[in-house]
Amino acid sequence: MLYSIQTYAQFETNINYKLLDSLKELRYDVAYSLKIQQEDIFAAKEALHSTQKSWLASFTIGVSSFRYSSDGVATQISAFSDIGVTLSLDLFSFASLNNRIRIARHELRKKELQYFSQQKALERELVGVYSTYLLAVEKLKLLTSQESNQLEILNLVKEKFLRGEAKIDDYLAIEELLEKTRIAKIEAEVASEMAYKELQILTTE
């Protein structure tokens, strides 16, 4: 993966969207925050599935006579007493089933939205670092070209100075510009290396 970054992005001046998409997937794969949220989503799905099946627990079968009872907590109706079998229904549990399913679905949706939000945050972070890297590389290329041109001019002025066709101030002025360019080039090299290292950190475990 790191070889891919070096091959396709190190000296690119334009964003490589195919590479960027690959880096996003790698970022998602190694992000611990996403792994935790994936576990939360799985748990929420299990809770929803369990709630959807909980209607079965509202019914109980036993041997009894037909009866209707209410103790203030659960109301039950029993049937089939004529054949010695009782089917009991917890009316409160059964009536609240839809509401409990709705709550479980809402919780699952909330976990999914949190996951997608975290994905976006990671994507923005990665795009920011990748953009910083490309800008540093582009700046480095421009400064390298500028350094070469200034060095060539400096040599020409030096030759003219030795022939008495230029002043020492002309030579010193160009030499000063060359020195500033070299300092800026070093800064761009450091910036590109730091951004590249940060890409490595973001996309590897």
Foldseek 3Di string as FASTA:
>chain_A
DLVVCCVPFQQDLDDDVVVLVVLLVLLCVPDPVLVVLVVVLVVLVVQLVCLVPCQVVQKDKDFDAFDWDDDPPFTWGWDPNVVRMTIIGGVVSNVCSVVSSVVSVVSSVVSVVVSVVVSVVLSVVLVVLSVQLSVLSVLLVVLVVVLVVLVVVLVVQVVCVVVVNHDPVVNVVSVVVNVVSVVVNVVSVVSNVVSSVVSVVSRDD
